[in-house]
Amino acid sequence: MTQREWQIAKLLAEGLSNKETAERLVITQRTAETHVADILTKLDCTSRSQVAVWVTGHR
């Protein structure tokens, strides 16, 4: 994962929405959505909660 994807994955683990993530990182919501989709694909996950579990195990 890229550094930005790791940042976003950590925010997903905190429960932030795409909109909240975009606001926090000063990016567009669409960019946040794209990063989330890429993260799900790279980690072979089907939900944000699976990403949260993965992040928790890799901190």
PDB file of N, CA and C in Angstrom:
ATOM      1  N   MET A   1       0.835  -1.180   0.000  1.00  0.00           N
ATOM      2  CA  MET A   1       0.000   0.000   0.000  1.00  0.00           C
ATOM      3  C   MET A   1       0.878   1.241   0.000  1.00  0.00           C
ATOM      4  N   THR A   2       0.363   2.275  -0.637  1.00  0.00           N
ATOM      5  CA  THR A   2       1.086   3.537  -0.621  1.00  0.00           C
ATOM      6  C   THR A   2       0.934   4.193   0.749  1.00  0.00           C
ATOM      7  N   GLN A   3       1.746   5.187   0.991  1.00  0.00           N
ATOM      8  CA  GLN A   3       1.664   5.906   2.266  1.00  0.00           C
ATOM      9  C   GLN A   3       0.277   6.539   2.431  1.00  0.00           C
ATOM     10  N   ARG A   4      -0.266   7.103   1.369  1.00  0.00           N
ATOM     11  CA  ARG A   4      -1.583   7.745   1.434  1.00  0.00           C
ATOM     12  C   ARG A   4      -2.676   6.697   1.708  1.00  0.00           C
ATOM     13  N   GLU A   5      -2.570   5.540   1.061  1.00  0.00           N
ATOM     14  CA  GLU A   5      -3.548   4.484   1.303  1.00  0.00           C
ATOM     15  C   GLU A   5      -3.484   4.013   2.755  1.00  0.00           C
ATOM     16  N   TRP A   6      -2.283   3.942   3.305  1.00  0.00           N
ATOM     17  CA  TRP A   6      -2.127   3.551   4.707  1.00  0.00           C
ATOM     18  C   TRP A   6      -2.797   4.577   5.612  1.00  0.00           C
ATOM     19  N   GLN A   7      -2.613   5.874   5.286  1.00  0.00           N
ATOM     20  CA  GLN A   7      -3.281   6.943   6.054  1.00  0.00           C
ATOM     21  C   GLN A   7      -4.792   6.742   6.021  1.00  0.00           C
ATOM     22  N   ILE A   8      -5.317   6.513   4.854  1.00  0.00           N
ATOM     23  CA  ILE A   8      -6.758   6.361   4.684  1.00  0.00           C
ATOM     24  C   ILE A   8      -7.249   5.092   5.373  1.00  0.00           C
ATOM     25  N   ALA A   9      -6.504   4.025   5.282  1.00  0.00           N
ATOM     26  CA  ALA A   9      -6.884   2.784   5.958  1.00  0.00           C
ATOM     27  C   ALA A   9      -6.988   3.012   7.470  1.00  0.00           C
ATOM     28  N   LYS A  10      -6.058   3.762   8.038  1.00  0.00           N
ATOM     29  CA  LYS A  10      -6.107   4.051   9.473  1.00  0.00           C
ATOM     30  C   LYS A  10      -7.351   4.866   9.816  1.00  0.00           C
ATOM     31  N   LEU A  11      -7.716   5.808   8.938  1.00  0.00           N
ATOM     32  CA  LEU A  11      -8.922   6.595   9.175  1.00  0.00           C
ATOM     33  C   LEU A  11     -10.179   5.733   9.047  1.00  0.00           C
ATOM     34  N   LEU A  12     -10.155   4.770   8.132  1.00  0.00           N
ATOM     35  CA  LEU A  12     -11.272   3.823   8.031  1.00  0.00           C
ATOM     36  C   LEU A  12     -11.410   3.052   9.330  1.00  0.00           C
ATOM     37  N   ALA A  13     -10.282   2.653   9.891  1.00  0.00           N
ATOM     38  CA  ALA A  13     -10.296   1.903  11.147  1.00  0.00           C
ATOM     39  C   ALA A  13     -10.872   2.737  12.292  1.00  0.00           C
ATOM     40  N   GLU A  14     -10.746   4.053  12.181  1.00  0.00           N
ATOM     41  CA  GLU A  14     -11.323   4.945  13.189  1.00  0.00           C
ATOM     42  C   GLU A  14     -12.816   5.149  12.964  1.00  0.00           C
ATOM     43  N   GLY A  15     -13.319   4.666  11.828  1.00  0.00           N
ATOM     44  CA  GLY A  15     -14.746   4.776  11.552  1.00  0.00           C
ATOM     45  C   GLY A  15     -15.155   5.985  10.743  1.00  0.00           C
ATOM     46  N   LEU A  16     -14.183   6.692  10.166  1.00  0.00           N
ATOM     47  CA  LEU A  16     -14.516   7.874   9.382  1.00  0.00           C
ATOM     48  C   LEU A  16     -15.140   7.490   8.043  1.00  0.00           C
ATOM     49  N   SER A  17     -16.066   8.313   7.589  1.00  0.00           N
ATOM     50  CA  SER A  17     -16.686   8.120   6.277  1.00  0.00           C
ATOM     51  C   SER A  17     -15.747   8.664   5.204  1.00  0.00           C
ATOM     52  N   ASN A  18     -16.092   8.414   3.947  1.00  0.00           N
ATOM     53  CA  ASN A  18     -15.284   8.960   2.849  1.00  0.00           C
ATOM     54  C   ASN A  18     -15.265  10.485   2.917  1.00  0.00           C
ATOM     55  N   LYS A  19     -16.399  11.085   3.215  1.00  0.00           N
ATOM     56  CA  LYS A  19     -16.478  12.546   3.305  1.00  0.00           C
ATOM     57  C   LYS A  19     -15.596  13.068   4.439  1.00  0.00           C
ATOM     58  N   GLU A  20     -15.675  12.428   5.594  1.00  0.00           N
ATOM     59  CA  GLU A  20     -14.861  12.849   6.740  1.00  0.00           C
ATOM     60  C   GLU A  20     -13.376  12.654   6.453  1.00  0.00           C
ATOM     61  N   THR A  21     -13.043  11.551   5.794  1.00  0.00           N
ATOM     62  CA  THR A  21     -11.650  11.290   5.418  1.00  0.00           C
ATOM     63  C   THR A  21     -11.152  12.365   4.476  1.00  0.00           C
ATOM     64  N   ALA A  22     -11.959  12.719   3.486  1.00  0.00           N
ATOM     65  CA  ALA A  22     -11.587  13.758   2.519  1.00  0.00           C
ATOM     66  C   ALA A  22     -11.359  15.089   3.220  1.00  0.00           C
ATOM     67  N   GLU A  23     -12.234  15.428   4.136  1.00  0.00           N
ATOM     68  CA  GLU A  23     -12.083  16.688   4.872  1.00  0.00           C
ATOM     69  C   GLU A  23     -10.816  16.686   5.720  1.00  0.00           C
ATOM     70  N   ARG A  24     -10.546  15.576   6.380  1.00  0.00           N
ATOM     71  CA  ARG A  24      -9.373  15.473   7.252  1.00  0.00           C
ATOM     72  C   ARG A  24      -8.080  15.598   6.453  1.00  0.00           C
ATOM     73  N   LEU A  25      -8.046  14.994   5.248  1.00  0.00           N
ATOM     74  CA  LEU A  25      -6.820  14.969   4.446  1.00  0.00           C
ATOM     75  C   LEU A  25      -6.775  16.061   3.378  1.00  0.00           C
ATOM     76  N   VAL A  26      -7.812  16.883   3.324  1.00  0.00           N
ATOM     77  CA  VAL A  26      -7.930  17.968   2.353  1.00  0.00           C
ATOM     78  C   VAL A  26      -7.771  17.437   0.924  1.00  0.00           C
ATOM     79  N   ILE A  27      -8.613  16.455   0.608  1.00  0.00           N
ATOM     80  CA  ILE A  27      -8.703  15.892  -0.733  1.00  0.00           C
ATOM     81  C   ILE A  27     -10.185  15.851  -1.096  1.00  0.00           C
ATOM     82  N   THR A  28     -10.488  15.586  -2.351  1.00  0.00           N
ATOM     83  CA  THR A  28     -11.897  15.496  -2.727  1.00  0.00           C
ATOM     84  C   THR A  28     -12.487  14.187  -2.233  1.00  0.00           C
ATOM     85  N   GLN A  29     -13.801  14.187  -2.088  1.00  0.00           N
ATOM     86  CA  GLN A  29     -14.469  12.965  -1.645  1.00  0.00           C
ATOM     87  C   GLN A  29     -14.274  11.862  -2.675  1.00  0.00           C
ATOM     88  N   ARG A  30     -14.283  12.217  -3.944  1.00  0.00           N
ATOM     89  CA  ARG A  30     -14.092  11.227  -5.007  1.00  0.00           C
ATOM     90  C   ARG A  30     -12.709  10.577  -4.903  1.00  0.00           C
ATOM     91  N   THR A  31     -11.694  11.367  -4.584  1.00  0.00           N
ATOM     92  CA  THR A  31     -10.342  10.831  -4.413  1.00  0.00           C
ATOM     93  C   THR A  31     -10.311   9.862  -3.235  1.00  0.00           C
ATOM     94  N   ALA A  32     -10.976  10.231  -2.159  1.00  0.00           N
ATOM     95  CA  ALA A  32     -11.044   9.342  -1.003  1.00  0.00           C
ATOM     96  C   ALA A  32     -11.738   8.033  -1.379  1.00  0.00           C
ATOM     97  N   GLU A  33     -12.832   8.130  -2.131  1.00  0.00           N
ATOM     98  CA  GLU A  33     -13.559   6.934  -2.568  1.00  0.00           C
ATOM     99  C   GLU A  33     -12.669   6.024  -3.419  1.00  0.00           C
ATOM    100  N   THR A  34     -11.881   6.637  -4.294  1.00  0.00           N
ATOM    101  CA  THR A  34     -10.973   5.861  -5.146  1.00  0.00           C
ATOM    102  C   THR A  34      -9.922   5.150  -4.309  1.00  0.00           C
ATOM    103  N   HIS A  35      -9.361   5.855  -3.339  1.00  0.00           N
ATOM    104  CA  HIS A  35      -8.368   5.230  -2.461  1.00  0.00           C
ATOM    105  C   HIS A  35      -8.979   4.069  -1.681  1.00  0.00           C
ATOM    106  N   VAL A  36     -10.190   4.254  -1.180  1.00  0.00           N
ATOM    107  CA  VAL A  36     -10.855   3.191  -0.428  1.00  0.00           C
ATOM    108  C   VAL A  36     -11.061   1.967  -1.321  1.00  0.00           C
ATOM    109  N   ALA A  37     -11.504   2.197  -2.544  1.00  0.00           N
ATOM    110  CA  ALA A  37     -11.703   1.087  -3.481  1.00  0.00           C
ATOM    111  C   ALA A  37     -10.386   0.367  -3.745  1.00  0.00           C
ATOM    112  N   ASP A  38      -9.308   1.124  -3.917  1.00  0.00           N
ATOM    113  CA  ASP A  38      -7.986   0.523  -4.148  1.00  0.00           C
ATOM    114  C   ASP A  38      -7.537  -0.289  -2.940  1.00  0.00           C
ATOM    115  N   ILE A  39      -7.780   0.235  -1.749  1.00  0.00           N
ATOM    116  CA  ILE A  39      -7.403  -0.472  -0.519  1.00  0.00           C
ATOM    117  C   ILE A  39      -8.170  -1.797  -0.417  1.00  0.00           C
ATOM    118  N   LEU A  40      -9.467  -1.739  -0.660  1.00  0.00           N
ATOM    119  CA  LEU A  40     -10.280  -2.955  -0.604  1.00  0.00           C
ATOM    120  C   LEU A  40      -9.748  -4.006  -1.574  1.00  0.00           C
ATOM    121  N   THR A  41      -9.379  -3.561  -2.767  1.00  0.00           N
ATOM    122  CA  THR A  41      -8.854  -4.490  -3.772  1.00  0.00           C
ATOM    123  C   THR A  41      -7.510  -5.062  -3.344  1.00  0.00           C
ATOM    124  N   LYS A  42      -6.608  -4.195  -2.922  1.00  0.00           N
ATOM    125  CA  LYS A  42      -5.264  -4.655  -2.550  1.00  0.00           C
ATOM    126  C   LYS A  42      -5.278  -5.616  -1.372  1.00  0.00           C
ATOM    127  N   LEU A  43      -6.188  -5.394  -0.435  1.00  0.00           N
ATOM    128  CA  LEU A  43      -6.251  -6.255   0.752  1.00  0.00           C
ATOM    129  C   LEU A  43      -7.215  -7.415   0.564  1.00  0.00           C
ATOM    130  N   ASP A  44      -7.840  -7.490  -0.600  1.00  0.00           N
ATOM    131  CA  ASP A  44      -8.822  -8.528  -0.895  1.00  0.00           C
ATOM    132  C   ASP A  44      -9.930  -8.543   0.150  1.00  0.00           C
ATOM    133  N   CYS A  45     -10.400  -7.338   0.483  1.00  0.00           N
ATOM    134  CA  CYS A  45     -11.480  -7.181   1.452  1.00  0.00           C
ATOM    135  C   CYS A  45     -12.763  -6.785   0.727  1.00  0.00           C
ATOM    136  N   THR A  46     -13.889  -7.079   1.360  1.00  0.00           N
ATOM    137  CA  THR A  46     -15.175  -6.705   0.774  1.00  0.00           C
ATOM    138  C   THR A  46     -15.903  -5.647   1.589  1.00  0.00           C
ATOM    139  N   SER A  47     -15.330  -5.264   2.728  1.00  0.00           N
ATOM    140  CA  SER A  47     -15.989  -4.253   3.559  1.00  0.00           C
ATOM    141  C   SER A  47     -14.962  -3.397   4.292  1.00  0.00           C
ATOM    142  N   ARG A  48     -15.426  -2.245   4.693  1.00  0.00           N
ATOM    143  CA  ARG A  48     -14.577  -1.320   5.453  1.00  0.00           C
ATOM    144  C   ARG A  48     -14.191  -1.931   6.802  1.00  0.00           C
ATOM    145  N   SER A  49     -15.090  -2.706   7.380  1.00  0.00           N
ATOM    146  CA  SER A  49     -14.787  -3.318   8.674  1.00  0.00           C
ATOM    147  C   SER A  49     -13.657  -4.337   8.562  1.00  0.00           C
ATOM    148  N   GLN A  50     -13.562  -5.029   7.436  1.00  0.00           N
ATOM    149  CA  GLN A  50     -12.444  -5.961   7.231  1.00  0.00           C
ATOM    150  C   GLN A  50     -11.127  -5.191   7.155  1.00  0.00           C
ATOM    151  N   VAL A  51     -11.160  -4.012   6.543  1.00  0.00           N
ATOM    152  CA  VAL A  51      -9.954  -3.170   6.488  1.00  0.00           C
ATOM    153  C   VAL A  51      -9.576  -2.749   7.904  1.00  0.00           C
ATOM    154  N   ALA A  52     -10.561  -2.386   8.711  1.00  0.00           N
ATOM    155  CA  ALA A  52     -10.301  -1.977  10.095  1.00  0.00           C
ATOM    156  C   ALA A  52      -9.627  -3.096  10.874  1.00  0.00           C
ATOM    157  N   VAL A  53     -10.102  -4.317  10.690  1.00  0.00           N
ATOM    158  CA  VAL A  53      -9.488  -5.469  11.369  1.00  0.00           C
ATOM    159  C   VAL A  53      -8.053  -5.648  10.893  1.00  0.00           C
ATOM    160  N   TRP A  54      -7.827  -5.524   9.592  1.00  0.00           N
ATOM    161  CA  TRP A  54      -6.482  -5.660   9.032  1.00  0.00           C
ATOM    162  C   TRP A  54      -5.544  -4.607   9.606  1.00  0.00           C
ATOM    163  N   VAL A  55      -6.014  -3.346   9.656  1.00  0.00           N
ATOM    164  CA  VAL A  55      -5.186  -2.255  10.185  1.00  0.00           C
ATOM    165  C   VAL A  55      -4.833  -2.526  11.646  1.00  0.00           C
ATOM    166  N   THR A  56      -5.812  -2.949  12.415  1.00  0.00           N
ATOM    167  CA  THR A  56      -5.569  -3.237  13.835  1.00  0.00           C
ATOM    168  C   THR A  56      -4.491  -4.299  14.012  1.00  0.00           C
ATOM    169  N   GLY A  57      -4.484  -5.276  13.143  1.00  0.00           N
ATOM    170  CA  GLY A  57      -3.487  -6.335  13.231  1.00  0.00           C
ATOM    171  C   GLY A  57      -2.116  -5.954  12.702  1.00  0.00           C
ATOM    172  N   HIS A  58      -2.021  -4.832  12.001  1.00  0.00           N
ATOM    173  CA  HIS A  58      -0.755  -4.435  11.390  1.00  0.00           C
ATOM    174  C   HIS A  58      -0.200  -3.115  11.927  1.00  0.00           C
ATOM    175  N   ARG A  59      -0.661  -2.699  13.070  1.00  0.00           N
ATOM    176  CA  ARG A  59      -0.145  -1.451  13.649  1.00  0.00           C
ATOM    177  C   ARG A  59       1.158  -1.689  14.326  1.00  0.00           C
TER     178      ARG A  59
END
